[in-house]
Amino acid sequence: MKEEEKKKKQNKKKFNVKELFTDEKKRARLILLAYLIFFIVLIVAMRSSATPVDDDIANAINNQADEKLAMYNYEFTYTITEGENKYIYTGKHYNEKELFTYNNNSYYKEGEIVLKQEGDNWVKVDNPYVEYEYIQLENIDKILGKSDFISQTTYEDGSVLNSYKMYVDGKVTDNVLNITSKDEKLMKIEMLFENKTITLEYSNVGNVVDFTI
């Protein structure tokens, strides 16, 4: 039995590195294995780098939008549509002051104080804004910071549209938040809810002169 085992061992071919290069079949297998390893490494590298790149893009866009939202000098048109109801506000904003019209009435707002013009007098009234929390830039800024970036679209006129899945009521939802800017200036914020649409349009950004009543 020992002699037979010895013969079997002698008959077994020892691994020869040179055969990997001289034997065509072994060389083909080696090349195939090398390609397989290369593609596996490439796929893993692409997957591992995809998320950070997307995060970097979203963060950069968020930072740009934050800077635009920080401006408090502009003219505006706010349009809120809820079912068949439409509310339109037009006016100008300078620091903490606003002078605007709504429903054919003139209003002056400074901080939390709102005055309505009645003849030659200004009378203190309740805030006429509906959906006021979504009109305030500081609130939109907070919402934006927790919203998920979807995409960026650049148009021929140079305007840029950034779209997000909107953060509402403590979670990211399917509601869409669109921010349009041009030449580094905020132009429009649009919030698309299931039952309402809020559109905030801005113009003359940075050029409004101080005013009073």
C-alpha atoms as a PDB file:
ATOM      1  CA  MET A   1       0.000   0.000   0.000  1.00  0.00           C
ATOM      2  CA  LYS A   2       2.816   2.395   0.814  1.00  0.00           C
ATOM      3  CA  GLU A   3       4.391   1.874  -2.584  1.00  0.00           C
ATOM      4  CA  GLU A   4       1.080   2.551  -4.366  1.00  0.00           C
ATOM      5  CA  GLU A   5       0.570   5.771  -2.392  1.00  0.00           C
ATOM      6  CA  LYS A   6       4.121   6.792  -3.214  1.00  0.00           C
ATOM      7  CA  LYS A   7       3.524   6.200  -6.909  1.00  0.00           C
ATOM      8  CA  LYS A   8       0.293   8.266  -6.779  1.00  0.00           C
ATOM      9  CA  LYS A   9       2.130  11.154  -5.167  1.00  0.00           C
ATOM     10  CA  GLN A  10       4.850  10.930  -7.786  1.00  0.00           C
ATOM     11  CA  ASN A  11       2.253  10.923 -10.548  1.00  0.00           C
ATOM     12  CA  LYS A  12       0.630  14.115  -9.205  1.00  0.00           C
ATOM     13  CA  LYS A  13       1.864  17.170 -11.035  1.00  0.00           C
ATOM     14  CA  LYS A  14       3.469  19.835  -8.981  1.00  0.00           C
ATOM     15  CA  PHE A  15       2.230  23.416  -9.403  1.00  0.00           C
ATOM     16  CA  ASN A  16       4.470  25.166 -11.902  1.00  0.00           C
ATOM     17  CA  VAL A  17       4.258  28.969 -12.244  1.00  0.00           C
ATOM     18  CA  LYS A  18       5.866  28.849 -15.660  1.00  0.00           C
ATOM     19  CA  GLU A  19       2.953  26.787 -16.981  1.00  0.00           C
ATOM     20  CA  LEU A  20       0.633  29.760 -16.385  1.00  0.00           C
ATOM     21  CA  PHE A  21       2.498  31.554 -19.160  1.00  0.00           C
ATOM     22  CA  THR A  22       3.471  28.665 -21.419  1.00  0.00           C
ATOM     23  CA  ASP A  23       0.228  26.662 -21.308  1.00  0.00           C
ATOM     24  CA  GLU A  24      -2.419  28.416 -23.468  1.00  0.00           C
ATOM     25  CA  LYS A  25      -5.404  27.147 -21.446  1.00  0.00           C
ATOM     26  CA  LYS A  26      -3.867  28.166 -18.134  1.00  0.00           C
ATOM     27  CA  ARG A  27      -2.802  31.517 -19.543  1.00  0.00           C
ATOM     28  CA  ALA A  28      -6.362  32.181 -20.788  1.00  0.00           C
ATOM     29  CA  ARG A  29      -7.770  31.320 -17.363  1.00  0.00           C
ATOM     30  CA  LEU A  30      -5.247  33.639 -15.733  1.00  0.00           C
ATOM     31  CA  ILE A  31      -6.216  36.522 -18.021  1.00  0.00           C
ATOM     32  CA  LEU A  32      -9.925  35.865 -17.403  1.00  0.00           C
ATOM     33  CA  LEU A  33      -9.344  35.852 -13.637  1.00  0.00           C
ATOM     34  CA  ALA A  34      -7.392  39.120 -13.856  1.00  0.00           C
ATOM     35  CA  TYR A  35     -10.268  40.807 -15.786  1.00  0.00           C
ATOM     36  CA  LEU A  36     -12.785  39.490 -13.268  1.00  0.00           C
ATOM     37  CA  ILE A  37     -10.812  40.897 -10.338  1.00  0.00           C
ATOM     38  CA  PHE A  38     -10.412  44.236 -12.147  1.00  0.00           C
ATOM     39  CA  PHE A  39     -14.140  44.626 -12.773  1.00  0.00           C
ATOM     40  CA  ILE A  40     -15.024  43.627  -9.200  1.00  0.00           C
ATOM     41  CA  VAL A  41     -12.617  46.254  -7.825  1.00  0.00           C
ATOM     42  CA  LEU A  42     -14.004  48.857 -10.266  1.00  0.00           C
ATOM     43  CA  ILE A  43     -17.647  48.200  -9.292  1.00  0.00           C
ATOM     44  CA  VAL A  44     -16.859  48.327  -5.580  1.00  0.00           C
ATOM     45  CA  ALA A  45     -14.949  51.600  -6.049  1.00  0.00           C
ATOM     46  CA  MET A  46     -17.824  53.177  -8.004  1.00  0.00           C
ATOM     47  CA  ARG A  47     -20.394  52.152  -5.406  1.00  0.00           C
ATOM     48  CA  SER A  48     -18.319  53.374  -2.500  1.00  0.00           C
ATOM     49  CA  SER A  49     -17.727  56.774  -4.106  1.00  0.00           C
ATOM     50  CA  ALA A  50     -21.273  57.387  -5.422  1.00  0.00           C
ATOM     51  CA  THR A  51     -22.896  58.437  -2.157  1.00  0.00           C
ATOM     52  CA  PRO A  52     -20.222  60.945  -1.038  1.00  0.00           C
ATOM     53  CA  VAL A  53     -20.301  62.636  -4.462  1.00  0.00           C
ATOM     54  CA  ASP A  54     -24.094  63.008  -4.334  1.00  0.00           C
ATOM     55  CA  ASP A  55     -23.874  64.308  -0.767  1.00  0.00           C
ATOM     56  CA  ASP A  56     -21.232  66.849  -1.770  1.00  0.00           C
ATOM     57  CA  ILE A  57     -23.412  68.139  -4.616  1.00  0.00           C
ATOM     58  CA  ALA A  58     -26.474  68.421  -2.392  1.00  0.00           C
ATOM     59  CA  ASN A  59     -24.533  70.162   0.375  1.00  0.00           C
ATOM     60  CA  ALA A  60     -23.017  72.649  -2.065  1.00  0.00           C
ATOM     61  CA  ILE A  61     -26.444  73.484  -3.473  1.00  0.00           C
ATOM     62  CA  ASN A  62     -27.886  73.783   0.026  1.00  0.00           C
ATOM     63  CA  ASN A  63     -25.139  76.210   1.019  1.00  0.00           C
ATOM     64  CA  GLN A  64     -25.756  78.359  -2.063  1.00  0.00           C
ATOM     65  CA  ALA A  65     -29.481  78.383  -1.409  1.00  0.00           C
ATOM     66  CA  ASP A  66     -28.919  79.264   2.260  1.00  0.00           C
ATOM     67  CA  GLU A  67     -26.947  82.333   1.243  1.00  0.00           C
ATOM     68  CA  LYS A  68     -29.705  83.449  -1.132  1.00  0.00           C
ATOM     69  CA  LEU A  69     -32.405  82.876   1.482  1.00  0.00           C
ATOM     70  CA  ALA A  70     -30.477  85.031   3.944  1.00  0.00           C
ATOM     71  CA  MET A  71     -31.176  88.171   1.897  1.00  0.00           C
ATOM     72  CA  TYR A  72     -33.905  90.458   3.248  1.00  0.00           C
ATOM     73  CA  ASN A  73     -34.078  93.094   0.547  1.00  0.00           C
ATOM     74  CA  TYR A  74     -36.439  92.370  -2.339  1.00  0.00           C
ATOM     75  CA  GLU A  75     -39.782  92.884  -4.036  1.00  0.00           C
ATOM     76  CA  PHE A  76     -42.145  89.945  -3.996  1.00  0.00           C
ATOM     77  CA  THR A  77     -45.296  88.250  -5.221  1.00  0.00           C
ATOM     78  CA  TYR A  78     -46.633  85.427  -3.067  1.00  0.00           C
ATOM     79  CA  THR A  79     -49.323  83.166  -4.520  1.00  0.00           C
ATOM     80  CA  ILE A  80     -50.981  80.506  -2.371  1.00  0.00           C
ATOM     81  CA  THR A  81     -53.498  78.201  -4.026  1.00  0.00           C
ATOM     82  CA  GLU A  82     -55.651  75.898  -1.894  1.00  0.00           C
ATOM     83  CA  GLY A  83     -58.361  74.154  -3.900  1.00  0.00           C
ATOM     84  CA  GLU A  84     -60.449  76.885  -5.512  1.00  0.00           C
ATOM     85  CA  ASN A  85     -59.045  79.587  -3.221  1.00  0.00           C
ATOM     86  CA  LYS A  86     -56.160  81.780  -4.339  1.00  0.00           C
ATOM     87  CA  TYR A  87     -54.355  84.331  -2.188  1.00  0.00           C
ATOM     88  CA  ILE A  88     -51.995  86.838  -3.814  1.00  0.00           C
ATOM     89  CA  TYR A  89     -49.701  89.249  -1.980  1.00  0.00           C
ATOM     90  CA  THR A  90     -47.454  91.777  -3.746  1.00  0.00           C
ATOM     91  CA  GLY A  91     -45.057  94.224  -2.139  1.00  0.00           C
ATOM     92  CA  LYS A  92     -41.517  94.940  -0.999  1.00  0.00           C
ATOM     93  CA  HIS A  93     -39.384  93.881   1.933  1.00  0.00           C
ATOM     94  CA  TYR A  94     -36.559  95.765   3.620  1.00  0.00           C
ATOM     95  CA  ASN A  95     -34.956  94.185   6.708  1.00  0.00           C
ATOM     96  CA  GLU A  96     -37.882  93.662   9.107  1.00  0.00           C
ATOM     97  CA  LYS A  97     -40.350  95.865   7.208  1.00  0.00           C
ATOM     98  CA  GLU A  98     -42.883  95.022   4.527  1.00  0.00           C
ATOM     99  CA  LEU A  99     -45.262  97.160   2.531  1.00  0.00           C
ATOM    100  CA  PHE A 100     -47.720  95.065   0.522  1.00  0.00           C
ATOM    101  CA  THR A 101     -51.189  94.777  -0.956  1.00  0.00           C
ATOM    102  CA  TYR A 102     -53.645  91.935  -0.537  1.00  0.00           C
ATOM    103  CA  ASN A 103     -57.260  91.707  -1.643  1.00  0.00           C
ATOM    104  CA  ASN A 104     -57.155  95.399  -2.750  1.00  0.00           C
ATOM    105  CA  ASN A 105     -55.983  96.523   0.706  1.00  0.00           C
ATOM    106  CA  SER A 106     -52.636  98.032   1.707  1.00  0.00           C
ATOM    107  CA  TYR A 107     -50.670  96.673   4.663  1.00  0.00           C
ATOM    108  CA  TYR A 108     -47.524  97.626   6.510  1.00  0.00           C
ATOM    109  CA  LYS A 109     -45.724  95.015   8.567  1.00  0.00           C
ATOM    110  CA  GLU A 110     -42.771  95.521  10.890  1.00  0.00           C
ATOM    111  CA  GLY A 111     -41.730  92.531  12.951  1.00  0.00           C
ATOM    112  CA  GLU A 112     -44.939  90.989  14.276  1.00  0.00           C
ATOM    113  CA  ILE A 113     -46.950  94.220  14.057  1.00  0.00           C
ATOM    114  CA  VAL A 114     -49.301  94.543  11.071  1.00  0.00           C
ATOM    115  CA  LEU A 115     -51.124  97.742  10.123  1.00  0.00           C
ATOM    116  CA  LYS A 116     -53.878  98.110   7.545  1.00  0.00           C
ATOM    117  CA  GLN A 117     -54.548 101.369   5.741  1.00  0.00           C
ATOM    118  CA  GLU A 118     -58.042 102.707   6.264  1.00  0.00           C
ATOM    119  CA  GLY A 119     -58.383 106.086   4.602  1.00  0.00           C
ATOM    120  CA  ASP A 120     -55.624 108.324   5.952  1.00  0.00           C
ATOM    121  CA  ASN A 121     -55.052 106.120   8.977  1.00  0.00           C
ATOM    122  CA  TRP A 122     -53.193 102.886   9.664  1.00  0.00           C
ATOM    123  CA  VAL A 123     -55.013 100.484  11.973  1.00  0.00           C
ATOM    124  CA  LYS A 124     -53.490  97.496  13.749  1.00  0.00           C
ATOM    125  CA  VAL A 125     -54.909  94.197  12.453  1.00  0.00           C
ATOM    126  CA  ASP A 126     -54.175  90.469  12.458  1.00  0.00           C
ATOM    127  CA  ASN A 127     -51.597  89.123  10.075  1.00  0.00           C
ATOM    128  CA  PRO A 128     -53.414  88.616   6.717  1.00  0.00           C
ATOM    129  CA  TYR A 129     -50.929  86.043   5.420  1.00  0.00           C
ATOM    130  CA  VAL A 130     -52.204  82.492   5.026  1.00  0.00           C
ATOM    131  CA  GLU A 131     -49.600  79.712   5.348  1.00  0.00           C
ATOM    132  CA  TYR A 132     -47.343  82.279   7.000  1.00  0.00           C
ATOM    133  CA  GLU A 133     -44.863  79.678   8.245  1.00  0.00           C
ATOM    134  CA  TYR A 134     -43.997  78.823   4.630  1.00  0.00           C
ATOM    135  CA  ILE A 135     -43.538  82.470   3.638  1.00  0.00           C
ATOM    136  CA  GLN A 136     -40.867  83.270   6.198  1.00  0.00           C
ATOM    137  CA  LEU A 137     -37.414  82.800   4.719  1.00  0.00           C
ATOM    138  CA  GLU A 138     -35.877  81.638   7.979  1.00  0.00           C
ATOM    139  CA  ASN A 139     -38.398  78.780   8.165  1.00  0.00           C
ATOM    140  CA  ILE A 140     -37.789  77.806   4.545  1.00  0.00           C
ATOM    141  CA  ASP A 141     -34.073  77.823   5.299  1.00  0.00           C
ATOM    142  CA  LYS A 142     -34.611  75.308   8.124  1.00  0.00           C
ATOM    143  CA  ILE A 143     -36.837  73.117   5.939  1.00  0.00           C
ATOM    144  CA  LEU A 144     -34.277  73.173   3.153  1.00  0.00           C
ATOM    145  CA  GLY A 145     -31.508  72.066   5.481  1.00  0.00           C
ATOM    146  CA  LYS A 146     -33.356  68.786   6.174  1.00  0.00           C
ATOM    147  CA  SER A 147     -34.824  68.202   2.718  1.00  0.00           C
ATOM    148  CA  ASP A 148     -33.360  65.634   0.302  1.00  0.00           C
ATOM    149  CA  PHE A 149     -31.787  66.879  -2.911  1.00  0.00           C
ATOM    150  CA  ILE A 150     -33.399  65.457  -6.074  1.00  0.00           C
ATOM    151  CA  SER A 151     -31.869  67.197  -9.079  1.00  0.00           C
ATOM    152  CA  GLN A 152     -30.495  70.381 -10.605  1.00  0.00           C
ATOM    153  CA  THR A 153     -31.612  71.811 -13.966  1.00  0.00           C
ATOM    154  CA  THR A 154     -29.884  74.666 -15.778  1.00  0.00           C
ATOM    155  CA  TYR A 155     -31.885  76.568 -18.411  1.00  0.00           C
ATOM    156  CA  GLU A 156     -30.777  78.501 -21.491  1.00  0.00           C
ATOM    157  CA  ASP A 157     -31.418  81.858 -19.811  1.00  0.00           C
ATOM    158  CA  GLY A 158     -28.888  80.950 -17.099  1.00  0.00           C
ATOM    159  CA  SER A 159     -31.436  80.255 -14.368  1.00  0.00           C
ATOM    160  CA  VAL A 160     -30.910  77.203 -12.186  1.00  0.00           C
ATOM    161  CA  LEU A 161     -33.644  75.050 -10.647  1.00  0.00           C
ATOM    162  CA  ASN A 162     -32.804  72.903  -7.610  1.00  0.00           C
ATOM    163  CA  SER A 163     -35.453  70.371  -6.570  1.00  0.00           C
ATOM    164  CA  TYR A 164     -35.794  68.657  -3.191  1.00  0.00           C
ATOM    165  CA  LYS A 165     -38.036  66.176  -1.431  1.00  0.00           C
ATOM    166  CA  MET A 166     -39.452  68.478   1.202  1.00  0.00           C
ATOM    167  CA  TYR A 167     -39.011  67.997   4.938  1.00  0.00           C
ATOM    168  CA  VAL A 168     -42.436  68.473   6.556  1.00  0.00           C
ATOM    169  CA  ASP A 169     -43.793  67.528  10.000  1.00  0.00           C
ATOM    170  CA  GLY A 170     -40.587  65.873  11.133  1.00  0.00           C
ATOM    171  CA  LYS A 171     -39.926  63.744   8.054  1.00  0.00           C
ATOM    172  CA  VAL A 172     -38.885  63.881   4.413  1.00  0.00           C
ATOM    173  CA  THR A 173     -41.983  63.585   2.216  1.00  0.00           C
ATOM    174  CA  ASP A 174     -42.923  63.355  -1.467  1.00  0.00           C
ATOM    175  CA  ASN A 175     -43.869  67.039  -1.394  1.00  0.00           C
ATOM    176  CA  VAL A 176     -41.514  68.935  -3.703  1.00  0.00           C
ATOM    177  CA  LEU A 177     -39.557  72.078  -2.880  1.00  0.00           C
ATOM    178  CA  ASN A 178     -38.215  73.938  -5.930  1.00  0.00           C
ATOM    179  CA  ILE A 179     -35.722  76.803  -5.698  1.00  0.00           C
ATOM    180  CA  THR A 180     -34.921  78.874  -8.783  1.00  0.00           C
ATOM    181  CA  SER A 181     -32.030  81.331  -8.898  1.00  0.00           C
ATOM    182  CA  LYS A 182     -30.209  83.342 -11.549  1.00  0.00           C
ATOM    183  CA  ASP A 183     -26.921  85.234 -11.395  1.00  0.00           C
ATOM    184  CA  GLU A 184     -26.550  84.187  -7.743  1.00  0.00           C
ATOM    185  CA  LYS A 185     -29.893  85.806  -6.857  1.00  0.00           C
ATOM    186  CA  LEU A 186     -33.004  84.058  -5.615  1.00  0.00           C
ATOM    187  CA  MET A 187     -35.890  84.241  -8.087  1.00  0.00           C
ATOM    188  CA  LYS A 188     -38.557  81.809  -6.934  1.00  0.00           C
ATOM    189  CA  ILE A 189     -39.425  79.271  -4.267  1.00  0.00           C
ATOM    190  CA  GLU A 190     -42.175  76.799  -5.038  1.00  0.00           C
ATOM    191  CA  MET A 191     -43.688  74.296  -2.613  1.00  0.00           C
ATOM    192  CA  LEU A 192     -45.911  71.617  -4.106  1.00  0.00           C
ATOM    193  CA  PHE A 193     -48.169  69.904  -1.597  1.00  0.00           C
ATOM    194  CA  GLU A 194     -50.923  67.396  -2.305  1.00  0.00           C
ATOM    195  CA  ASN A 195     -53.686  69.923  -1.595  1.00  0.00           C
ATOM    196  CA  LYS A 196     -51.983  73.288  -2.073  1.00  0.00           C
ATOM    197  CA  THR A 197     -49.252  75.147  -3.930  1.00  0.00           C
ATOM    198  CA  ILE A 198     -47.181  77.983  -2.502  1.00  0.00           C
ATOM    199  CA  THR A 199     -45.205  80.118  -4.946  1.00  0.00           C
ATOM    200  CA  LEU A 200     -42.905  82.873  -3.701  1.00  0.00           C
ATOM    201  CA  GLU A 201     -41.448  85.065  -6.461  1.00  0.00           C
ATOM    202  CA  TYR A 202     -38.668  87.592  -5.886  1.00  0.00           C
ATOM    203  CA  SER A 203     -37.360  90.515  -7.933  1.00  0.00           C
ATOM    204  CA  ASN A 204     -35.199  93.623  -7.567  1.00  0.00           C
ATOM    205  CA  VAL A 205     -33.181  91.701  -4.994  1.00  0.00           C
ATOM    206  CA  GLY A 206     -30.775  93.901  -3.064  1.00  0.00           C
ATOM    207  CA  ASN A 207     -32.073  97.144  -4.593  1.00  0.00           C
ATOM    208  CA  VAL A 208     -35.038  98.059  -2.375  1.00  0.00           C
ATOM    209  CA  VAL A 209     -34.594 101.435  -0.650  1.00  0.00           C
ATOM    210  CA  ASP A 210     -35.611 101.891   2.967  1.00  0.00           C
ATOM    211  CA  PHE A 211     -39.209 103.055   3.427  1.00  0.00           C
ATOM    212  CA  THR A 212     -41.747 104.030   6.067  1.00  0.00           C
ATOM    213  CA  ILE A 213     -45.424 105.033   6.295  1.00  0.00           C
END
